[in-house]
Amino acid sequence: MNKQKFIDKFFGAFIILAVIKIITVLIQVLEESFWAAIGSLFLVIVVVVILSLVVAALKSKENDWGNSGGRNSRSGTSYVENALFNRLLSKYEELAKKYIDDKNYVKAAKVYMNLLKDNYRGAKTLENGGLYNEAAVIYLKKLNNKSEAANCYEKAKQYRKAIELQIELGQKEKVGDLYKEINDIKNSNAYYQMVVDDYVNVNQMVKGSLIYRKKMELPEEAQKILLKGWNEDRDGFNCLNNYFANIFDAKTLDKKIQELYQGLPAEKKMNYLKAIKIEFKKDPKLQETTRNIAYEIIAEKVKTHSEIVNELKHFNPDDEVILKDISRYKTGRNNMFRN
């Protein structure tokens, strides 16, 4: 009975070899080229060699049957079957690669999906070949991958289909981008506003301002949200820094720096000092205003934050007298504490 099973497995292996031969013949018929003929000849040789190995293995196992009790025959058969199966997979891979080299992406995708049972590689092959709609269908129906399908529909300029999928995925900013592509500004801005609101709710005011400025082209709204962040201490320093950075006229910026300093609460002055340090370097026209404000803040905070005197160097980089005064102040303060 075991011997009969072994023979049955041999015939199964022979059938696999026959399939390889059929694939080779099909390639030759489809291509009708010199290289196809060479490939066919090569496969025939491979078939003969493998068949010889199988026959030899069969005879060997029959001779050893009485001595081993049949155990080794089963192991040998399994090895031959695995080798044949891997060879078959290798031929499928070669076939798919050949189709890709010939830019026949549909046939290559079919090999991946139908013969190699790899739907992802099939879809990716179609996508790489510019067959975006076809790839999107595979991503959706075979892989349930809405993200990849949406990307393919976008590449195919099937924006409505892409929008539907991105809405399902909850990608609000991407939905806004896609609506913008089809000049539907009303819907585009509606989704962008949702993104802004989400950012504001988690205190990411700078990101919200960038949506206003870059995506919605509403620079005034961007400034409002930054000012709101500064006033409400919601990532305050970064909001103020970006607020100043968005003002490109030096005269206007100088005026805003003075306005925002008026009535500034004491607890916000250290951050204000950090912000105007950046503005001091931007334009010589801003240096007088920023320096004067810095002096006021330093004078107010020096009793509780003695290290703040070092900031005078930033606003007077070339003044050696200031540097000496800072050194004397720090020395005198240290002596006072020692005494």
C-alpha atoms as a PDB file:
ATOM      1  CA  MET A   1       0.000   0.000   0.000  1.00  0.00           C
ATOM      2  CA  ASN A   2       2.813   2.420   0.876  1.00  0.00           C
ATOM      3  CA  LYS A   3       4.625   1.455  -2.296  1.00  0.00           C
ATOM      4  CA  GLN A   4       1.516   2.206  -4.290  1.00  0.00           C
ATOM      5  CA  LYS A   5       1.276   5.669  -2.683  1.00  0.00           C
ATOM      6  CA  PHE A   6       4.840   6.343  -3.616  1.00  0.00           C
ATOM      7  CA  ILE A   7       4.157   5.460  -7.231  1.00  0.00           C
ATOM      8  CA  ASP A   8       1.094   7.702  -7.185  1.00  0.00           C
ATOM      9  CA  LYS A   9       3.215  10.567  -5.954  1.00  0.00           C
ATOM     10  CA  PHE A  10       5.648   9.917  -8.759  1.00  0.00           C
ATOM     11  CA  PHE A  11       2.895  10.291 -11.297  1.00  0.00           C
ATOM     12  CA  GLY A  12       1.825  13.517  -9.563  1.00  0.00           C
ATOM     13  CA  ALA A  13       5.363  14.841  -9.967  1.00  0.00           C
ATOM     14  CA  PHE A  14       5.308  13.847 -13.599  1.00  0.00           C
ATOM     15  CA  ILE A  15       2.093  15.833 -14.090  1.00  0.00           C
ATOM     16  CA  ILE A  16       3.773  18.937 -12.599  1.00  0.00           C
ATOM     17  CA  LEU A  17       6.589  18.533 -15.105  1.00  0.00           C
ATOM     18  CA  ALA A  18       4.039  18.296 -17.863  1.00  0.00           C
ATOM     19  CA  VAL A  19       2.533  21.620 -16.719  1.00  0.00           C
ATOM     20  CA  ILE A  20       5.963  23.252 -16.935  1.00  0.00           C
ATOM     21  CA  LYS A  21       6.323  21.957 -20.476  1.00  0.00           C
ATOM     22  CA  ILE A  22       2.899  23.335 -21.418  1.00  0.00           C
ATOM     23  CA  ILE A  23       3.836  26.773 -20.055  1.00  0.00           C
ATOM     24  CA  THR A  24       6.999  26.714 -22.156  1.00  0.00           C
ATOM     25  CA  VAL A  25       5.096  25.805 -25.289  1.00  0.00           C
ATOM     26  CA  LEU A  26       2.585  28.584 -24.632  1.00  0.00           C
ATOM     27  CA  ILE A  27       5.375  31.128 -24.280  1.00  0.00           C
ATOM     28  CA  GLN A  28       6.844  29.962 -27.590  1.00  0.00           C
ATOM     29  CA  VAL A  29       3.501  30.194 -29.340  1.00  0.00           C
ATOM     30  CA  LEU A  30       2.716  33.638 -27.950  1.00  0.00           C
ATOM     31  CA  GLU A  31       6.096  35.178 -28.586  1.00  0.00           C
ATOM     32  CA  GLU A  32       7.349  33.227 -31.624  1.00  0.00           C
ATOM     33  CA  SER A  33      10.843  34.498 -31.033  1.00  0.00           C
ATOM     34  CA  PHE A  34      14.333  33.054 -30.947  1.00  0.00           C
ATOM     35  CA  TRP A  35      14.609  33.477 -27.208  1.00  0.00           C
ATOM     36  CA  ALA A  36      11.329  31.675 -26.680  1.00  0.00           C
ATOM     37  CA  ALA A  37      12.630  28.712 -28.663  1.00  0.00           C
ATOM     38  CA  ILE A  38      15.865  28.676 -26.649  1.00  0.00           C
ATOM     39  CA  GLY A  39      13.802  28.825 -23.450  1.00  0.00           C
ATOM     40  CA  SER A  40      11.678  25.944 -24.609  1.00  0.00           C
ATOM     41  CA  LEU A  41      14.754  23.836 -25.364  1.00  0.00           C
ATOM     42  CA  PHE A  42      16.206  24.661 -21.969  1.00  0.00           C
ATOM     43  CA  LEU A  43      13.022  23.604 -20.214  1.00  0.00           C
ATOM     44  CA  VAL A  44      12.900  20.325 -22.116  1.00  0.00           C
ATOM     45  CA  ILE A  45      16.415  19.554 -20.921  1.00  0.00           C
ATOM     46  CA  VAL A  46      15.410  20.450 -17.359  1.00  0.00           C
ATOM     47  CA  VAL A  47      12.358  18.175 -17.627  1.00  0.00           C
ATOM     48  CA  VAL A  48      14.512  15.250 -18.786  1.00  0.00           C
ATOM     49  CA  VAL A  49      17.050  15.771 -16.018  1.00  0.00           C
ATOM     50  CA  ILE A  50      14.429  16.075 -13.294  1.00  0.00           C
ATOM     51  CA  LEU A  51      12.525  13.073 -14.623  1.00  0.00           C
ATOM     52  CA  SER A  52      15.735  11.040 -14.561  1.00  0.00           C
ATOM     53  CA  LEU A  53      16.300  12.067 -10.955  1.00  0.00           C
ATOM     54  CA  VAL A  54      12.783  11.021 -10.057  1.00  0.00           C
ATOM     55  CA  VAL A  55      13.167   7.622 -11.722  1.00  0.00           C
ATOM     56  CA  ALA A  56      16.505   7.102 -10.011  1.00  0.00           C
ATOM     57  CA  ALA A  57      14.990   8.070  -6.690  1.00  0.00           C
ATOM     58  CA  LEU A  58      12.104   5.705  -7.272  1.00  0.00           C
ATOM     59  CA  LYS A  59      14.401   2.753  -8.001  1.00  0.00           C
ATOM     60  CA  SER A  60      16.557   3.575  -5.016  1.00  0.00           C
ATOM     61  CA  LYS A  61      13.588   3.688  -2.665  1.00  0.00           C
ATOM     62  CA  GLU A  62      12.232   0.419  -4.035  1.00  0.00           C
ATOM     63  CA  ASN A  63      15.579  -1.258  -3.332  1.00  0.00           C
ATOM     64  CA  ASP A  64      15.676   0.136   0.201  1.00  0.00           C
ATOM     65  CA  TRP A  65      12.072  -0.629   0.966  1.00  0.00           C
ATOM     66  CA  GLY A  66      12.692  -3.834   2.882  1.00  0.00           C
ATOM     67  CA  ASN A  67      15.555  -2.374   4.906  1.00  0.00           C
ATOM     68  CA  SER A  68      14.004   0.938   5.967  1.00  0.00           C
ATOM     69  CA  GLY A  69      10.404  -0.019   6.316  1.00  0.00           C
ATOM     70  CA  GLY A  70       9.352   2.679   3.857  1.00  0.00           C
ATOM     71  CA  ARG A  71      10.206   5.672   6.070  1.00  0.00           C
ATOM     72  CA  ASN A  72      13.026   7.048   3.918  1.00  0.00           C
ATOM     73  CA  SER A  73      10.950   6.667   0.766  1.00  0.00           C
ATOM     74  CA  ARG A  74       8.371   9.056   2.087  1.00  0.00           C
ATOM     75  CA  SER A  75      11.089  11.597   2.995  1.00  0.00           C
ATOM     76  CA  GLY A  76      12.664  11.331  -0.443  1.00  0.00           C
ATOM     77  CA  THR A  77       9.326  11.756  -2.180  1.00  0.00           C
ATOM     78  CA  SER A  78       8.598  14.872  -0.148  1.00  0.00           C
ATOM     79  CA  TYR A  79      11.974  16.338  -1.095  1.00  0.00           C
ATOM     80  CA  VAL A  80      11.347  15.721  -4.812  1.00  0.00           C
ATOM     81  CA  GLU A  81       7.855  17.204  -4.621  1.00  0.00           C
ATOM     82  CA  ASN A  82       9.137  20.338  -2.878  1.00  0.00           C
ATOM     83  CA  ALA A  83      11.875  20.750  -5.433  1.00  0.00           C
ATOM     84  CA  LEU A  84       9.396  20.456  -8.279  1.00  0.00           C
ATOM     85  CA  PHE A  85       6.977  22.868  -6.632  1.00  0.00           C
ATOM     86  CA  ASN A  86       9.702  25.463  -6.091  1.00  0.00           C
ATOM     87  CA  ARG A  87      10.802  25.028  -9.674  1.00  0.00           C
ATOM     88  CA  LEU A  88       7.269  25.672 -10.828  1.00  0.00           C
ATOM     89  CA  LEU A  89       7.051  28.835  -8.737  1.00  0.00           C
ATOM     90  CA  SER A  90      10.356  29.971 -10.168  1.00  0.00           C
ATOM     91  CA  LYS A  91       9.018  29.536 -13.691  1.00  0.00           C
ATOM     92  CA  TYR A  92       5.954  31.607 -12.834  1.00  0.00           C
ATOM     93  CA  GLU A  93       8.209  34.347 -11.464  1.00  0.00           C
ATOM     94  CA  GLU A  94      10.272  34.288 -14.649  1.00  0.00           C
ATOM     95  CA  LEU A  95       7.136  34.452 -16.737  1.00  0.00           C
ATOM     96  CA  ALA A  96       5.804  37.451 -14.819  1.00  0.00           C
ATOM     97  CA  LYS A  97       9.148  39.249 -15.100  1.00  0.00           C
ATOM     98  CA  LYS A  98       9.242  38.597 -18.826  1.00  0.00           C
ATOM     99  CA  TYR A  99       5.792  40.113 -19.242  1.00  0.00           C
ATOM    100  CA  ILE A 100       6.855  43.165 -17.216  1.00  0.00           C
ATOM    101  CA  ASP A 101       9.987  43.575 -19.335  1.00  0.00           C
ATOM    102  CA  ASP A 102       7.722  43.484 -22.391  1.00  0.00           C
ATOM    103  CA  LYS A 103       5.453  46.065 -20.699  1.00  0.00           C
ATOM    104  CA  ASN A 104       2.581  43.601 -20.765  1.00  0.00           C
ATOM    105  CA  TYR A 105       1.448  44.496 -17.269  1.00  0.00           C
ATOM    106  CA  VAL A 106      -1.971  42.893 -17.491  1.00  0.00           C
ATOM    107  CA  LYS A 107      -0.549  39.445 -18.239  1.00  0.00           C
ATOM    108  CA  ALA A 108       2.088  39.893 -15.554  1.00  0.00           C
ATOM    109  CA  ALA A 109      -0.597  40.804 -13.026  1.00  0.00           C
ATOM    110  CA  LYS A 110      -2.597  37.723 -13.974  1.00  0.00           C
ATOM    111  CA  VAL A 111       0.421  35.509 -13.358  1.00  0.00           C
ATOM    112  CA  TYR A 112       0.897  37.048  -9.920  1.00  0.00           C
ATOM    113  CA  MET A 113      -2.742  36.778  -8.956  1.00  0.00           C
ATOM    114  CA  ASN A 114      -3.868  33.547 -10.632  1.00  0.00           C
ATOM    115  CA  LEU A 115      -0.718  31.440 -10.536  1.00  0.00           C
ATOM    116  CA  LEU A 116       1.274  32.843  -7.622  1.00  0.00           C
ATOM    117  CA  LYS A 117      -1.783  33.860  -5.583  1.00  0.00           C
ATOM    118  CA  ASP A 118      -0.231  37.246  -4.784  1.00  0.00           C
ATOM    119  CA  ASN A 119      -2.911  39.883  -5.267  1.00  0.00           C
ATOM    120  CA  TYR A 120      -0.809  42.711  -3.865  1.00  0.00           C
ATOM    121  CA  ARG A 121       1.990  42.223  -6.386  1.00  0.00           C
ATOM    122  CA  GLY A 122      -0.609  41.956  -9.087  1.00  0.00           C
ATOM    123  CA  ALA A 123      -2.148  45.284  -8.106  1.00  0.00           C
ATOM    124  CA  LYS A 124       1.249  46.932  -7.693  1.00  0.00           C
ATOM    125  CA  THR A 125       2.290  45.699 -11.153  1.00  0.00           C
ATOM    126  CA  LEU A 126      -0.781  47.304 -12.693  1.00  0.00           C
ATOM    127  CA  GLU A 127      -0.118  50.507 -10.769  1.00  0.00           C
ATOM    128  CA  ASN A 128       3.526  50.632 -11.842  1.00  0.00           C
ATOM    129  CA  GLY A 129       2.378  50.115 -15.410  1.00  0.00           C
ATOM    130  CA  GLY A 130       0.109  53.146 -15.245  1.00  0.00           C
ATOM    131  CA  LEU A 131      -3.075  51.065 -15.176  1.00  0.00           C
ATOM    132  CA  TYR A 132      -4.394  52.932 -12.168  1.00  0.00           C
ATOM    133  CA  ASN A 133      -8.108  52.163 -12.488  1.00  0.00           C
ATOM    134  CA  GLU A 134      -7.431  48.457 -12.864  1.00  0.00           C
ATOM    135  CA  ALA A 135      -5.060  48.518  -9.900  1.00  0.00           C
ATOM    136  CA  ALA A 136      -7.620  50.364  -7.769  1.00  0.00           C
ATOM    137  CA  VAL A 137     -10.195  47.643  -8.401  1.00  0.00           C
ATOM    138  CA  ILE A 138      -7.770  44.949  -7.239  1.00  0.00           C
ATOM    139  CA  TYR A 139      -6.838  46.927  -4.144  1.00  0.00           C
ATOM    140  CA  LEU A 140     -10.508  47.287  -3.269  1.00  0.00           C
ATOM    141  CA  LYS A 141     -12.028  43.935  -4.202  1.00  0.00           C
ATOM    142  CA  LYS A 142      -9.140  41.595  -3.509  1.00  0.00           C
ATOM    143  CA  LEU A 143      -7.249  43.365  -0.722  1.00  0.00           C
ATOM    144  CA  ASN A 144      -9.809  45.722   0.844  1.00  0.00           C
ATOM    145  CA  ASN A 145      -7.120  48.400   0.840  1.00  0.00           C
ATOM    146  CA  LYS A 146      -8.999  51.661   0.477  1.00  0.00           C
ATOM    147  CA  SER A 147      -5.946  53.833   0.978  1.00  0.00           C
ATOM    148  CA  GLU A 148      -4.017  52.335  -1.953  1.00  0.00           C
ATOM    149  CA  ALA A 149      -7.166  52.319  -4.070  1.00  0.00           C
ATOM    150  CA  ALA A 150      -7.755  56.008  -3.345  1.00  0.00           C
ATOM    151  CA  ASN A 151      -4.182  56.842  -4.331  1.00  0.00           C
ATOM    152  CA  CYS A 152      -4.635  54.991  -7.621  1.00  0.00           C
ATOM    153  CA  TYR A 153      -7.898  56.752  -8.380  1.00  0.00           C
ATOM    154  CA  GLU A 154      -6.177  60.054  -7.700  1.00  0.00           C
ATOM    155  CA  LYS A 155      -3.376  59.162 -10.115  1.00  0.00           C
ATOM    156  CA  ALA A 156      -6.024  58.256 -12.677  1.00  0.00           C
ATOM    157  CA  LYS A 157      -7.639  61.668 -12.048  1.00  0.00           C
ATOM    158  CA  GLN A 158     -10.782  59.894 -10.882  1.00  0.00           C
ATOM    159  CA  TYR A 159     -11.113  62.463  -8.125  1.00  0.00           C
ATOM    160  CA  ARG A 160     -14.706  61.742  -7.167  1.00  0.00           C
ATOM    161  CA  LYS A 161     -13.945  58.088  -6.499  1.00  0.00           C
ATOM    162  CA  ALA A 162     -10.827  59.061  -4.570  1.00  0.00           C
ATOM    163  CA  ILE A 163     -12.828  61.552  -2.505  1.00  0.00           C
ATOM    164  CA  GLU A 164     -15.384  58.910  -1.534  1.00  0.00           C
ATOM    165  CA  LEU A 165     -12.687  56.603  -0.249  1.00  0.00           C
ATOM    166  CA  GLN A 166     -10.759  59.331   1.585  1.00  0.00           C
ATOM    167  CA  ILE A 167     -13.965  60.418   3.314  1.00  0.00           C
ATOM    168  CA  GLU A 168     -14.470  56.833   4.492  1.00  0.00           C
ATOM    169  CA  LEU A 169     -10.883  56.832   5.737  1.00  0.00           C
ATOM    170  CA  GLY A 170     -11.416  60.093   7.615  1.00  0.00           C
ATOM    171  CA  GLN A 171      -8.630  61.913   5.747  1.00  0.00           C
ATOM    172  CA  LYS A 172     -10.156  65.393   5.924  1.00  0.00           C
ATOM    173  CA  GLU A 173      -7.162  67.360   4.694  1.00  0.00           C
ATOM    174  CA  LYS A 174      -6.729  64.993   1.750  1.00  0.00           C
ATOM    175  CA  VAL A 175     -10.403  65.356   0.912  1.00  0.00           C
ATOM    176  CA  GLY A 176      -9.901  69.120   0.899  1.00  0.00           C
ATOM    177  CA  ASP A 177      -6.916  68.724  -1.432  1.00  0.00           C
ATOM    178  CA  LEU A 178      -8.935  66.585  -3.842  1.00  0.00           C
ATOM    179  CA  TYR A 179     -11.867  68.997  -3.904  1.00  0.00           C
ATOM    180  CA  LYS A 180      -9.385  71.746  -4.627  1.00  0.00           C
ATOM    181  CA  GLU A 181      -8.103  69.744  -7.613  1.00  0.00           C
ATOM    182  CA  ILE A 182     -11.569  69.928  -9.187  1.00  0.00           C
ATOM    183  CA  ASN A 183     -11.964  73.603  -8.217  1.00  0.00           C
ATOM    184  CA  ASP A 184     -14.726  72.897  -5.724  1.00  0.00           C
ATOM    185  CA  ILE A 185     -13.532  75.570  -3.304  1.00  0.00           C
ATOM    186  CA  LYS A 186     -16.665  75.513  -1.172  1.00  0.00           C
ATOM    187  CA  ASN A 187     -16.300  71.844  -0.251  1.00  0.00           C
ATOM    188  CA  SER A 188     -12.533  72.150  -0.149  1.00  0.00           C
ATOM    189  CA  ASN A 189     -12.629  74.915   2.448  1.00  0.00           C
ATOM    190  CA  ALA A 190     -15.324  73.097   4.412  1.00  0.00           C
ATOM    191  CA  TYR A 191     -13.015  70.128   4.930  1.00  0.00           C
ATOM    192  CA  TYR A 192      -9.988  72.323   5.557  1.00  0.00           C
ATOM    193  CA  GLN A 193     -11.970  74.116   8.267  1.00  0.00           C
ATOM    194  CA  MET A 194     -12.646  70.760   9.915  1.00  0.00           C
ATOM    195  CA  VAL A 195      -8.890  70.184   9.962  1.00  0.00           C
ATOM    196  CA  VAL A 196      -8.278  73.613  11.503  1.00  0.00           C
ATOM    197  CA  ASP A 197     -10.898  72.956  14.180  1.00  0.00           C
ATOM    198  CA  ASP A 198      -9.276  69.623  15.011  1.00  0.00           C
ATOM    199  CA  TYR A 199      -5.889  71.309  15.408  1.00  0.00           C
ATOM    200  CA  VAL A 200      -7.322  74.067  17.594  1.00  0.00           C
ATOM    201  CA  ASN A 201      -9.014  71.518  19.836  1.00  0.00           C
ATOM    202  CA  VAL A 202      -5.628  69.976  20.627  1.00  0.00           C
ATOM    203  CA  ASN A 203      -3.830  73.331  20.919  1.00  0.00           C
ATOM    204  CA  GLN A 204      -1.854  72.931  17.683  1.00  0.00           C
ATOM    205  CA  MET A 205      -2.501  76.500  16.631  1.00  0.00           C
ATOM    206  CA  VAL A 206       0.512  76.824  14.340  1.00  0.00           C
ATOM    207  CA  LYS A 207      -0.600  73.846  12.261  1.00  0.00           C
ATOM    208  CA  GLY A 208      -4.089  75.291  12.060  1.00  0.00           C
ATOM    209  CA  SER A 209      -2.672  78.607  10.855  1.00  0.00           C
ATOM    210  CA  LEU A 210      -0.720  76.829   8.121  1.00  0.00           C
ATOM    211  CA  ILE A 211      -3.947  75.321   6.767  1.00  0.00           C
ATOM    212  CA  TYR A 212      -5.466  78.798   6.622  1.00  0.00           C
ATOM    213  CA  ARG A 213      -2.420  80.298   4.957  1.00  0.00           C
ATOM    214  CA  LYS A 214      -1.206  77.525   2.629  1.00  0.00           C
ATOM    215  CA  LYS A 215      -4.367  75.607   1.773  1.00  0.00           C
ATOM    216  CA  MET A 216      -7.218  78.114   2.131  1.00  0.00           C
ATOM    217  CA  GLU A 217      -5.196  81.200   1.190  1.00  0.00           C
ATOM    218  CA  LEU A 218      -6.601  83.168   4.116  1.00  0.00           C
ATOM    219  CA  PRO A 219      -3.556  84.877   5.680  1.00  0.00           C
ATOM    220  CA  GLU A 220      -5.636  87.113   7.922  1.00  0.00           C
ATOM    221  CA  GLU A 221      -7.370  84.118   9.472  1.00  0.00           C
ATOM    222  CA  ALA A 222      -3.982  82.523   9.958  1.00  0.00           C
ATOM    223  CA  GLN A 223      -2.820  85.556  11.926  1.00  0.00           C
ATOM    224  CA  LYS A 224      -5.962  85.547  14.033  1.00  0.00           C
ATOM    225  CA  ILE A 225      -5.484  81.968  15.119  1.00  0.00           C
ATOM    226  CA  LEU A 226      -1.820  82.617  15.963  1.00  0.00           C
ATOM    227  CA  LEU A 227      -2.747  85.649  18.016  1.00  0.00           C
ATOM    228  CA  LYS A 228      -5.386  83.581  19.767  1.00  0.00           C
ATOM    229  CA  GLY A 229      -2.769  80.994  20.630  1.00  0.00           C
ATOM    230  CA  TRP A 230      -0.449  83.660  22.025  1.00  0.00           C
ATOM    231  CA  ASN A 231      -3.143  85.372  24.077  1.00  0.00           C
ATOM    232  CA  GLU A 232      -4.505  82.112  25.486  1.00  0.00           C
ATOM    233  CA  ASP A 233      -1.094  80.499  26.162  1.00  0.00           C
ATOM    234  CA  ARG A 234      -1.758  77.659  23.737  1.00  0.00           C
ATOM    235  CA  ASP A 235       1.744  77.017  22.410  1.00  0.00           C
ATOM    236  CA  GLY A 236       2.210  80.735  22.996  1.00  0.00           C
ATOM    237  CA  PHE A 237       5.840  81.308  22.029  1.00  0.00           C
ATOM    238  CA  ASN A 238       5.588  79.449  18.722  1.00  0.00           C
ATOM    239  CA  CYS A 239       2.372  81.256  17.897  1.00  0.00           C
ATOM    240  CA  LEU A 240       3.972  84.661  18.542  1.00  0.00           C
ATOM    241  CA  ASN A 241       7.104  83.727  16.623  1.00  0.00           C
ATOM    242  CA  ASN A 242       5.055  82.653  13.588  1.00  0.00           C
ATOM    243  CA  TYR A 243       2.805  85.695  13.907  1.00  0.00           C
ATOM    244  CA  PHE A 244       5.810  87.998  13.616  1.00  0.00           C
ATOM    245  CA  ALA A 245       7.323  85.879  10.823  1.00  0.00           C
ATOM    246  CA  ASN A 246       4.213  86.378   8.686  1.00  0.00           C
ATOM    247  CA  ILE A 247       4.581  90.162   8.716  1.00  0.00           C
ATOM    248  CA  PHE A 248       6.992  91.069   5.924  1.00  0.00           C
ATOM    249  CA  ASP A 249       6.897  94.858   6.067  1.00  0.00           C
ATOM    250  CA  ALA A 250       9.392  96.121   8.666  1.00  0.00           C
ATOM    251  CA  LYS A 251       7.381  99.219   9.486  1.00  0.00           C
ATOM    252  CA  THR A 252       4.204  97.219  10.092  1.00  0.00           C
ATOM    253  CA  LEU A 253       6.100  94.655  12.139  1.00  0.00           C
ATOM    254  CA  ASP A 254       7.700  97.365  14.279  1.00  0.00           C
ATOM    255  CA  LYS A 255       4.271  98.743  15.048  1.00  0.00           C
ATOM    256  CA  LYS A 256       2.868  95.300  15.930  1.00  0.00           C
ATOM    257  CA  ILE A 257       5.774  94.560  18.267  1.00  0.00           C
ATOM    258  CA  GLN A 258       5.021  97.750  20.194  1.00  0.00           C
ATOM    259  CA  GLU A 259       1.257  97.136  20.226  1.00  0.00           C
ATOM    260  CA  LEU A 260       1.491  93.615  21.592  1.00  0.00           C
ATOM    261  CA  TYR A 261       3.877  94.703  24.324  1.00  0.00           C
ATOM    262  CA  GLN A 262       1.470  97.275  25.685  1.00  0.00           C
ATOM    263  CA  GLY A 263      -0.323  95.891  28.715  1.00  0.00           C
ATOM    264  CA  LEU A 264       1.517  92.560  28.440  1.00  0.00           C
ATOM    265  CA  PRO A 265       1.077  90.431  31.617  1.00  0.00           C
ATOM    266  CA  ALA A 266       4.280  89.929  33.597  1.00  0.00           C
ATOM    267  CA  GLU A 267       4.181  86.127  33.189  1.00  0.00           C
ATOM    268  CA  LYS A 268       4.347  86.424  29.392  1.00  0.00           C
ATOM    269  CA  LYS A 269       7.283  88.817  29.218  1.00  0.00           C
ATOM    270  CA  MET A 270      10.024  86.177  29.237  1.00  0.00           C
ATOM    271  CA  ASN A 271       8.547  84.543  26.142  1.00  0.00           C
ATOM    272  CA  TYR A 272       8.120  87.970  24.570  1.00  0.00           C
ATOM    273  CA  LEU A 273      11.804  88.630  25.128  1.00  0.00           C
ATOM    274  CA  LYS A 274      12.679  85.348  23.378  1.00  0.00           C
ATOM    275  CA  ALA A 275      10.518  86.320  20.419  1.00  0.00           C
ATOM    276  CA  ILE A 276      11.910  89.820  19.935  1.00  0.00           C
ATOM    277  CA  LYS A 277      15.469  88.452  20.075  1.00  0.00           C
ATOM    278  CA  ILE A 278      14.668  86.786  16.757  1.00  0.00           C
ATOM    279  CA  GLU A 279      13.146  89.946  15.329  1.00  0.00           C
ATOM    280  CA  PHE A 280      16.152  92.033  16.386  1.00  0.00           C
ATOM    281  CA  LYS A 281      18.335  90.194  13.882  1.00  0.00           C
ATOM    282  CA  LYS A 282      15.897  90.438  10.989  1.00  0.00           C
ATOM    283  CA  ASP A 283      16.122  94.084  10.071  1.00  0.00           C
ATOM    284  CA  PRO A 284      18.093  97.099  11.386  1.00  0.00           C
ATOM    285  CA  LYS A 285      14.807  99.030  11.346  1.00  0.00           C
ATOM    286  CA  LEU A 286      13.527  96.823  14.160  1.00  0.00           C
ATOM    287  CA  GLN A 287      16.534  97.082  16.429  1.00  0.00           C
ATOM    288  CA  GLU A 288      15.674 100.241  18.297  1.00  0.00           C
ATOM    289  CA  THR A 289      12.201  99.084  19.257  1.00  0.00           C
ATOM    290  CA  THR A 290      13.222  95.566  20.203  1.00  0.00           C
ATOM    291  CA  ARG A 291      16.241  96.785  22.172  1.00  0.00           C
ATOM    292  CA  ASN A 292      14.193  99.261  24.209  1.00  0.00           C
ATOM    293  CA  ILE A 293      11.561  96.636  25.045  1.00  0.00           C
ATOM    294  CA  ALA A 294      14.299  94.181  25.961  1.00  0.00           C
ATOM    295  CA  TYR A 295      15.831  96.731  28.363  1.00  0.00           C
ATOM    296  CA  GLU A 296      12.478  97.147  30.092  1.00  0.00           C
ATOM    297  CA  ILE A 297      11.903  93.441  30.483  1.00  0.00           C
ATOM    298  CA  ILE A 298      15.463  92.800  31.718  1.00  0.00           C
ATOM    299  CA  ALA A 299      15.249  95.618  34.251  1.00  0.00           C
ATOM    300  CA  GLU A 300      11.948  94.248  35.536  1.00  0.00           C
ATOM    301  CA  LYS A 301      13.042  90.617  35.772  1.00  0.00           C
ATOM    302  CA  VAL A 302      16.677  90.947  36.903  1.00  0.00           C
ATOM    303  CA  LYS A 303      15.851  90.760  40.612  1.00  0.00           C
ATOM    304  CA  THR A 304      14.158  87.366  40.251  1.00  0.00           C
ATOM    305  CA  HIS A 305      16.083  86.110  37.218  1.00  0.00           C
ATOM    306  CA  SER A 306      19.625  87.402  37.569  1.00  0.00           C
ATOM    307  CA  GLU A 307      20.830  85.401  34.544  1.00  0.00           C
ATOM    308  CA  ILE A 308      18.682  87.597  32.326  1.00  0.00           C
ATOM    309  CA  VAL A 309      21.439  90.231  32.225  1.00  0.00           C
ATOM    310  CA  ASN A 310      23.218  88.003  29.715  1.00  0.00           C
ATOM    311  CA  GLU A 311      20.503  88.886  27.201  1.00  0.00           C
ATOM    312  CA  LEU A 312      21.961  92.402  26.980  1.00  0.00           C
ATOM    313  CA  LYS A 313      24.802  90.939  24.904  1.00  0.00           C
ATOM    314  CA  HIS A 314      22.330  89.837  22.246  1.00  0.00           C
ATOM    315  CA  PHE A 315      20.938  93.332  21.798  1.00  0.00           C
ATOM    316  CA  ASN A 316      24.391  94.966  21.945  1.00  0.00           C
ATOM    317  CA  PRO A 317      26.705  92.513  20.179  1.00  0.00           C
ATOM    318  CA  ASP A 318      29.432  95.055  19.445  1.00  0.00           C
ATOM    319  CA  ASP A 319      29.284  97.063  22.658  1.00  0.00           C
ATOM    320  CA  GLU A 320      32.281  96.128  24.841  1.00  0.00           C
ATOM    321  CA  VAL A 321      31.177  98.456  27.615  1.00  0.00           C
ATOM    322  CA  ILE A 322      27.949  96.474  28.017  1.00  0.00           C
ATOM    323  CA  LEU A 323      29.953  93.280  28.273  1.00  0.00           C
ATOM    324  CA  LYS A 324      32.117  94.758  31.027  1.00  0.00           C
ATOM    325  CA  ASP A 325      29.052  96.046  32.879  1.00  0.00           C
ATOM    326  CA  ILE A 326      27.502  92.574  32.756  1.00  0.00           C
ATOM    327  CA  SER A 327      30.708  91.080  34.121  1.00  0.00           C
ATOM    328  CA  ARG A 328      30.911  93.607  36.955  1.00  0.00           C
ATOM    329  CA  TYR A 329      27.250  93.062  37.830  1.00  0.00           C
ATOM    330  CA  LYS A 330      27.649  89.305  38.011  1.00  0.00           C
ATOM    331  CA  THR A 331      30.865  89.639  40.070  1.00  0.00           C
ATOM    332  CA  GLY A 332      29.267  92.073  42.489  1.00  0.00           C
ATOM    333  CA  ARG A 333      26.221  89.879  42.917  1.00  0.00           C
ATOM    334  CA  ASN A 334      28.343  86.833  43.623  1.00  0.00           C
ATOM    335  CA  ASN A 335      30.353  88.739  46.240  1.00  0.00           C
ATOM    336  CA  MET A 336      27.140  89.897  47.871  1.00  0.00           C
ATOM    337  CA  PHE A 337      25.933  86.328  48.285  1.00  0.00           C
ATOM    338  CA  ARG A 338      29.325  85.198  49.636  1.00  0.00           C
ATOM    339  CA  ASN A 339      29.297  87.950  52.249  1.00  0.00           C
END
